[in-house]
Every structure is written in structure tokens, then in C-alpha cells.
C-alpha atoms as a PDB file:
ATOM      1  CA  MET A   1      70.595 -36.595  21.858  1.00  0.00           C
ATOM      2  CA  ASP A   2      72.619 -40.155  23.559  1.00  0.00           C
ATOM      3  CA  ILE A   3      72.795 -40.583  27.291  1.00  0.00           C
ATOM      4  CA  ARG A   4      75.290 -42.627  28.335  1.00  0.00           C
ATOM      5  CA  PRO A   5      78.277 -43.459  30.999  1.00  0.00           C
ATOM      6  CA  ALA A   6      80.978 -41.267  30.739  1.00  0.00           C
ATOM      7  CA  ARG A   7      84.148 -42.844  29.208  1.00  0.00           C
ATOM      8  CA  PRO A   8      88.178 -41.479  29.175  1.00  0.00           C
ATOM      9  CA  GLU A   9      87.926 -39.575  25.743  1.00  0.00           C
ATOM     10  CA  ASP A  10      85.103 -37.769  27.756  1.00  0.00           C
ATOM     11  CA  VAL A  11      87.308 -36.718  30.645  1.00  0.00           C
ATOM     12  CA  PRO A  12      88.598 -33.082  28.805  1.00  0.00           C
ATOM     13  CA  ALA A  13      84.654 -32.151  27.792  1.00  0.00           C
ATOM     14  CA  LEU A  14      83.028 -32.991  30.775  1.00  0.00           C
ATOM     15  CA  ASP A  15      85.733 -30.791  33.358  1.00  0.00           C
ATOM     16  CA  SER A  16      85.121 -27.924  29.973  1.00  0.00           C
ATOM     17  CA  LEU A  17      81.107 -28.410  30.868  1.00  0.00           C
ATOM     18  CA  LEU A  18      81.634 -28.321  34.820  1.00  0.00           C
ATOM     19  CA  ARG A  19      84.219 -25.422  34.643  1.00  0.00           C
ATOM     20  CA  THR A  20      81.878 -23.089  32.808  1.00  0.00           C
ATOM     21  CA  SER A  21      78.294 -24.319  33.821  1.00  0.00           C
ATOM     22  CA  PHE A  22      79.292 -23.127  37.856  1.00  0.00           C
ATOM     23  CA  GLU A  23      80.745 -19.744  39.235  1.00  0.00           C
ATOM     24  CA  SER A  24      83.756 -21.299  40.253  1.00  0.00           C
ATOM     25  CA  ALA A  25      86.138 -24.468  39.175  1.00  0.00           C
ATOM     26  CA  ALA A  26      84.996 -25.861  42.854  1.00  0.00           C
ATOM     27  CA  GLU A  27      82.408 -28.647  41.192  1.00  0.00           C
ATOM     28  CA  ALA A  28      85.648 -29.849  38.631  1.00  0.00           C
ATOM     29  CA  ASP A  29      87.610 -29.725  41.340  1.00  0.00           C
ATOM     30  CA  LEU A  30      85.349 -32.101  43.330  1.00  0.00           C
ATOM     31  CA  VAL A  31      84.828 -34.407  40.330  1.00  0.00           C
ATOM     32  CA  ARG A  32      88.428 -34.646  39.471  1.00  0.00           C
ATOM     33  CA  ARG A  33      88.797 -35.756  43.493  1.00  0.00           C
ATOM     34  CA  LEU A  34      86.400 -38.335  43.522  1.00  0.00           C
ATOM     35  CA  CYS A  35      88.108 -39.753  40.236  1.00  0.00           C
ATOM     36  CA  ILE A  36      91.423 -39.997  42.003  1.00  0.00           C
ATOM     37  CA  ASP A  37      90.551 -41.309  45.227  1.00  0.00           C
ATOM     38  CA  GLY A  38      88.193 -43.432  43.806  1.00  0.00           C
ATOM     39  CA  ASP A  39      85.210 -42.573  45.138  1.00  0.00           C
ATOM     40  CA  MET A  40      83.517 -42.111  41.170  1.00  0.00           C
ATOM     41  CA  VAL A  41      80.282 -44.814  40.865  1.00  0.00           C
ATOM     42  CA  LEU A  42      78.840 -43.372  38.137  1.00  0.00           C
ATOM     43  CA  THR A  43      79.101 -40.448  35.962  1.00  0.00           C
ATOM     44  CA  MET A  44      76.255 -39.980  33.220  1.00  0.00           C
ATOM     45  CA  ILE A  45      76.928 -37.848  30.064  1.00  0.00           C
ATOM     46  CA  ALA A  46      74.698 -35.917  27.398  1.00  0.00           C
ATOM     47  CA  ARG A  47      76.155 -35.131  24.221  1.00  0.00           C
ATOM     48  CA  ASP A  48      74.479 -33.722  21.399  1.00  0.00           C
ATOM     49  CA  PRO A  49      76.988 -34.170  19.716  1.00  0.00           C
ATOM     50  CA  ASP A  50      79.491 -32.832  22.370  1.00  0.00           C
ATOM     51  CA  ILE A  51      78.585 -32.934  25.762  1.00  0.00           C
ATOM     52  CA  VAL A  52      75.931 -30.894  27.049  1.00  0.00           C
ATOM     53  CA  GLY A  53      75.278 -32.512  30.106  1.00  0.00           C
ATOM     54  CA  ALA A  54      76.362 -34.703  32.841  1.00  0.00           C
ATOM     55  CA  ALA A  55      75.101 -36.486  36.786  1.00  0.00           C
ATOM     56  CA  VAL A  56      77.852 -37.513  38.716  1.00  0.00           C
ATOM     57  CA  PHE A  57      77.348 -40.508  41.520  1.00  0.00           C
ATOM     58  CA  SER A  58      79.875 -41.005  44.085  1.00  0.00           C
ATOM     59  CA  ARG A  59      80.221 -43.737  46.519  1.00  0.00           C
ATOM     60  CA  MET A  60      78.772 -42.623  50.110  1.00  0.00           C
ATOM     61  CA  ALA A  61      79.118 -44.872  53.672  1.00  0.00           C
ATOM     62  CA  VAL A  62      75.626 -45.361  54.711  1.00  0.00           C
ATOM     63  CA  GLU A  63      74.655 -47.338  57.623  1.00  0.00           C
ATOM     64  CA  VAL A  64      70.970 -48.785  58.678  1.00  0.00           C
ATOM     65  CA  ASN A  65      70.850 -50.934  62.199  1.00  0.00           C
ATOM     66  CA  GLY A  66      74.639 -51.348  62.004  1.00  0.00           C
ATOM     67  CA  ALA A  67      75.335 -52.755  58.665  1.00  0.00           C
ATOM     68  CA  ALA A  68      76.404 -51.205  55.648  1.00  0.00           C
ATOM     69  CA  ILE A  69      74.109 -50.182  53.121  1.00  0.00           C
ATOM     70  CA  PRO A  70      75.106 -49.383  49.006  1.00  0.00           C
ATOM     71  CA  ALA A  71      74.813 -45.728  48.482  1.00  0.00           C
ATOM     72  CA  VAL A  72      75.391 -43.009  46.478  1.00  0.00           C
ATOM     73  CA  ALA A  73      75.572 -39.022  46.414  1.00  0.00           C
ATOM     74  CA  LEU A  74      74.413 -37.175  43.179  1.00  0.00           C
ATOM     75  CA  ALA A  75      76.838 -34.193  42.572  1.00  0.00           C
ATOM     76  CA  PRO A  76      77.198 -32.414  40.411  1.00  0.00           C
ATOM     77  CA  LEU A  77      74.404 -32.344  37.776  1.00  0.00           C
ATOM     78  CA  ALA A  78      75.308 -29.693  35.485  1.00  0.00           C
ATOM     79  CA  VAL A  79      74.021 -28.883  32.039  1.00  0.00           C
ATOM     80  CA  ALA A  80      75.236 -26.231  29.613  1.00  0.00           C
ATOM     81  CA  GLY A  81      73.085 -23.049  29.533  1.00  0.00           C
ATOM     82  CA  PRO A  82      71.541 -23.497  26.305  1.00  0.00           C
ATOM     83  CA  TRP A  83      69.938 -26.648  27.231  1.00  0.00           C
ATOM     84  CA  ARG A  84      68.505 -25.925  30.839  1.00  0.00           C
ATOM     85  CA  ARG A  85      65.352 -26.062  31.081  1.00  0.00           C
ATOM     86  CA  GLN A  86      64.465 -28.780  28.177  1.00  0.00           C
ATOM     87  CA  GLY A  87      64.719 -31.919  30.254  1.00  0.00           C
ATOM     88  CA  VAL A  88      68.258 -32.969  29.804  1.00  0.00           C
ATOM     89  CA  GLY A  89      68.720 -33.283  33.617  1.00  0.00           C
ATOM     90  CA  GLU A  90      65.991 -35.271  34.068  1.00  0.00           C
ATOM     91  CA  ALA A  91      67.042 -37.573  31.915  1.00  0.00           C
ATOM     92  CA  LEU A  92      70.829 -37.695  33.059  1.00  0.00           C
ATOM     93  CA  VAL A  93      69.521 -38.501  36.290  1.00  0.00           C
ATOM     94  CA  ALA A  94      66.727 -40.827  35.401  1.00  0.00           C
ATOM     95  CA  ALA A  95      69.371 -42.744  33.257  1.00  0.00           C
ATOM     96  CA  GLY A  96      71.465 -42.727  36.407  1.00  0.00           C
ATOM     97  CA  HIS A  97      69.339 -44.099  38.706  1.00  0.00           C
ATOM     98  CA  ASP A  98      68.410 -47.182  36.447  1.00  0.00           C
ATOM     99  CA  ALA A  99      71.825 -47.748  35.934  1.00  0.00           C
ATOM    100  CA  LEU A 100      72.796 -47.615  40.086  1.00  0.00           C
ATOM    101  CA  ALA A 101      69.689 -49.805  40.718  1.00  0.00           C
ATOM    102  CA  ARG A 102      70.108 -52.425  38.299  1.00  0.00           C
ATOM    103  CA  ALA A 103      73.706 -52.674  39.419  1.00  0.00           C
ATOM    104  CA  GLY A 104      72.256 -52.957  43.016  1.00  0.00           C
ATOM    105  CA  TRP A 105      72.960 -49.528  44.607  1.00  0.00           C
ATOM    106  CA  VAL A 106      70.090 -49.311  47.473  1.00  0.00           C
ATOM    107  CA  LEU A 107      69.996 -45.169  48.046  1.00  0.00           C
ATOM    108  CA  SER A 108      71.310 -42.138  46.708  1.00  0.00           C
ATOM    109  CA  PHE A 109      71.991 -38.607  48.635  1.00  0.00           C
ATOM    110  CA  VAL A 110      71.778 -35.049  47.216  1.00  0.00           C
ATOM    111  CA  LEU A 111      72.171 -32.268  48.643  1.00  0.00           C
ATOM    112  CA  GLY A 112      70.284 -29.092  47.012  1.00  0.00           C
ATOM    113  CA  GLU A 113      67.348 -27.097  46.631  1.00  0.00           C
ATOM    114  CA  PRO A 114      64.010 -29.118  47.785  1.00  0.00           C
ATOM    115  CA  ALA A 115      62.184 -27.463  45.048  1.00  0.00           C
ATOM    116  CA  TYR A 116      64.003 -28.913  42.605  1.00  0.00           C
ATOM    117  CA  TYR A 117      65.126 -32.055  43.374  1.00  0.00           C
ATOM    118  CA  ALA A 118      62.159 -32.992  44.441  1.00  0.00           C
ATOM    119  CA  ARG A 119      61.220 -33.531  40.751  1.00  0.00           C
ATOM    120  CA  PHE A 120      63.754 -36.659  40.571  1.00  0.00           C
ATOM    121  CA  GLY A 121      61.888 -38.217  43.630  1.00  0.00           C
ATOM    122  CA  TYR A 122      64.477 -37.193  46.211  1.00  0.00           C
ATOM    123  CA  ALA A 123      62.796 -35.953  49.777  1.00  0.00           C
ATOM    124  CA  ALA A 124      64.332 -34.798  53.455  1.00  0.00           C
ATOM    125  CA  ASP A 125      62.441 -37.318  54.914  1.00  0.00           C
ATOM    126  CA  TRP A 126      64.177 -40.435  53.004  1.00  0.00           C
ATOM    127  CA  ALA A 127      67.396 -38.502  54.804  1.00  0.00           C
ATOM    128  CA  SER A 128      66.030 -37.675  58.030  1.00  0.00           C
ATOM    129  CA  GLY A 129      67.676 -39.579  61.059  1.00  0.00           C
ATOM    130  CA  PHE A 130      70.964 -40.137  59.591  1.00  0.00           C
ATOM    131  CA  ASP A 131      73.999 -38.897  60.862  1.00  0.00           C
ATOM    132  CA  SER A 132      75.735 -36.278  58.772  1.00  0.00           C
ATOM    133  CA  PRO A 133      77.379 -33.161  58.636  1.00  0.00           C
ATOM    134  CA  TYR A 134      75.239 -31.872  56.276  1.00  0.00           C
ATOM    135  CA  ALA A 135      71.986 -33.085  57.853  1.00  0.00           C
ATOM    136  CA  GLY A 136      68.923 -30.706  57.475  1.00  0.00           C
ATOM    137  CA  ASP A 137      66.593 -30.251  54.822  1.00  0.00           C
ATOM    138  CA  TYR A 138      68.550 -29.972  51.862  1.00  0.00           C
ATOM    139  CA  LEU A 139      69.813 -33.031  52.505  1.00  0.00           C
ATOM    140  CA  MET A 140      67.633 -35.254  50.624  1.00  0.00           C
ATOM    141  CA  ALA A 141      67.175 -39.113  49.635  1.00  0.00           C
ATOM    142  CA  MET A 142      65.492 -41.688  47.761  1.00  0.00           C
ATOM    143  CA  PRO A 143      65.663 -45.354  47.458  1.00  0.00           C
ATOM    144  CA  LEU A 144      66.972 -47.116  44.263  1.00  0.00           C
ATOM    145  CA  GLN A 145      64.976 -50.369  44.679  1.00  0.00           C
ATOM    146  CA  SER A 146      61.286 -51.313  44.570  1.00  0.00           C
ATOM    147  CA  ALA A 147      61.463 -52.254  48.174  1.00  0.00           C
ATOM    148  CA  GLY A 148      61.902 -48.823  49.252  1.00  0.00           C
ATOM    149  CA  MET A 149      64.101 -47.711  52.226  1.00  0.00           C
ATOM    150  CA  PRO A 150      65.767 -50.206  54.041  1.00  0.00           C
ATOM    151  CA  CYS A 151      63.776 -50.791  57.229  1.00  0.00           C
ATOM    152  CA  GLY A 152      66.037 -49.923  60.856  1.00  0.00           C
ATOM    153  CA  VAL A 153      67.743 -47.247  62.724  1.00  0.00           C
ATOM    154  CA  ARG A 154      69.290 -44.891  60.553  1.00  0.00           C
ATOM    155  CA  GLY A 155      73.052 -44.301  60.961  1.00  0.00           C
ATOM    156  CA  THR A 156      75.630 -42.915  59.869  1.00  0.00           C
ATOM    157  CA  ALA A 157      75.702 -41.313  55.997  1.00  0.00           C
ATOM    158  CA  THR A 158      79.177 -40.416  55.373  1.00  0.00           C
ATOM    159  CA  HIS A 159      80.255 -38.279  51.776  1.00  0.00           C
ATOM    160  CA  ALA A 160      83.141 -39.386  49.973  1.00  0.00           C
ATOM    161  CA  PRO A 161      86.351 -37.412  51.668  1.00  0.00           C
ATOM    162  CA  ALA A 162      86.499 -35.296  48.592  1.00  0.00           C
ATOM    163  CA  PHE A 163      82.944 -33.316  49.992  1.00  0.00           C
ATOM    164  CA  ALA A 164      84.647 -32.177  52.779  1.00  0.00           C
ATOM    165  CA  ALA A 165      87.606 -30.958  50.982  1.00  0.00           C
ATOM    166  CA  LEU A 166      85.456 -28.584  48.891  1.00  0.00           C
ATOM    167  CA  SER A 167      83.444 -26.796  52.037  1.00  0.00           C
ATOM    168  CA  GLU A 168      87.043 -26.805  52.969  1.00  0.00           C
ATOM    169  CA  ASP A 169      87.997 -24.221  50.138  1.00  0.00           C
ATOM    170  CA  ALA A 170      84.629 -23.032  50.599  1.00  0.00           C
END
């Protein structure tokens, strides 16, 4: 299996994966909107030889002590049915985290099931105290740098505007 950043020629297959992996087209529409708005940071894909999984990371506006902190949101994470429970999602997220850390991103957030996302290192404690409309047990974060979580007063943690549009459509 090949895991790498998505390329422009991967867009049709990525869109198809997202439309078939979820009950609605909302996640595919979210990714399209993130791209259009310029908020897409990284999309990792898994191929064998077709695209069988994707982890999407988008820009967030996050502050600690009133200073902007480079942060991303993981969403969506998709794996084609026959490839689930084989470590594809974990490999995609790990490769994404590695690439983001090397590029200087400091934090990654995810909104999802704590029991699932804890395996990747996400925890609600890391996101606690940030001002977000998604604050609570399902908003989790993790530091991407070895220095850990930036010290100081946690401010806002704002997802890209496409996320607000997603919740409006729900």
C-alpha cells in the first residue's frame, strides 16, 4: 500500500471514496469547500492501487496567550469498507501527523468519538479550555511537536468556515 499526499489527479477518486464511505455527501462537500476556500492543509491518501483511504487536515485559527498557534483539524477520515480494521486509518493519520510536524504545525484537533481517536493520541484534556462551539468531550486535540502543548491561557479554537456550513446543512 502506498500512502502519500493527494495530488490534483486524485480528486475524482477521493470524492468518490468520501461519497461512498459516509451516509451522506456532507463530508465530500466539506472537503470540496475546504479546497475552494483555501483552508486545506494536507490530504493523505492510501492507494492499493485505487484510493482506499484518506485523512484530511484543514487550517484552524487557534490562540494561546493571545498568540496564533499553527493548528489543523482532522476531518474527515475515510477508509473504504473492505479496508477497514486493517490499520489503514491509523497509518494515514500517523503519516499526516509526521508531515504536519515536519512542516511546523503545533496542534491537531479532531471532533469525534473519544474511544476511537484516542488511539491516535487525541484527548479531550488537550482541547479543554479552548473557546470553541464544539467544546466538550468530543473535541479532542494533540500536540504535534515534541515540546508538547503550548503553555498559557487557551483562547479560541476556530475551525475553517466550511465546518459551520456543514452544521448548518445538518
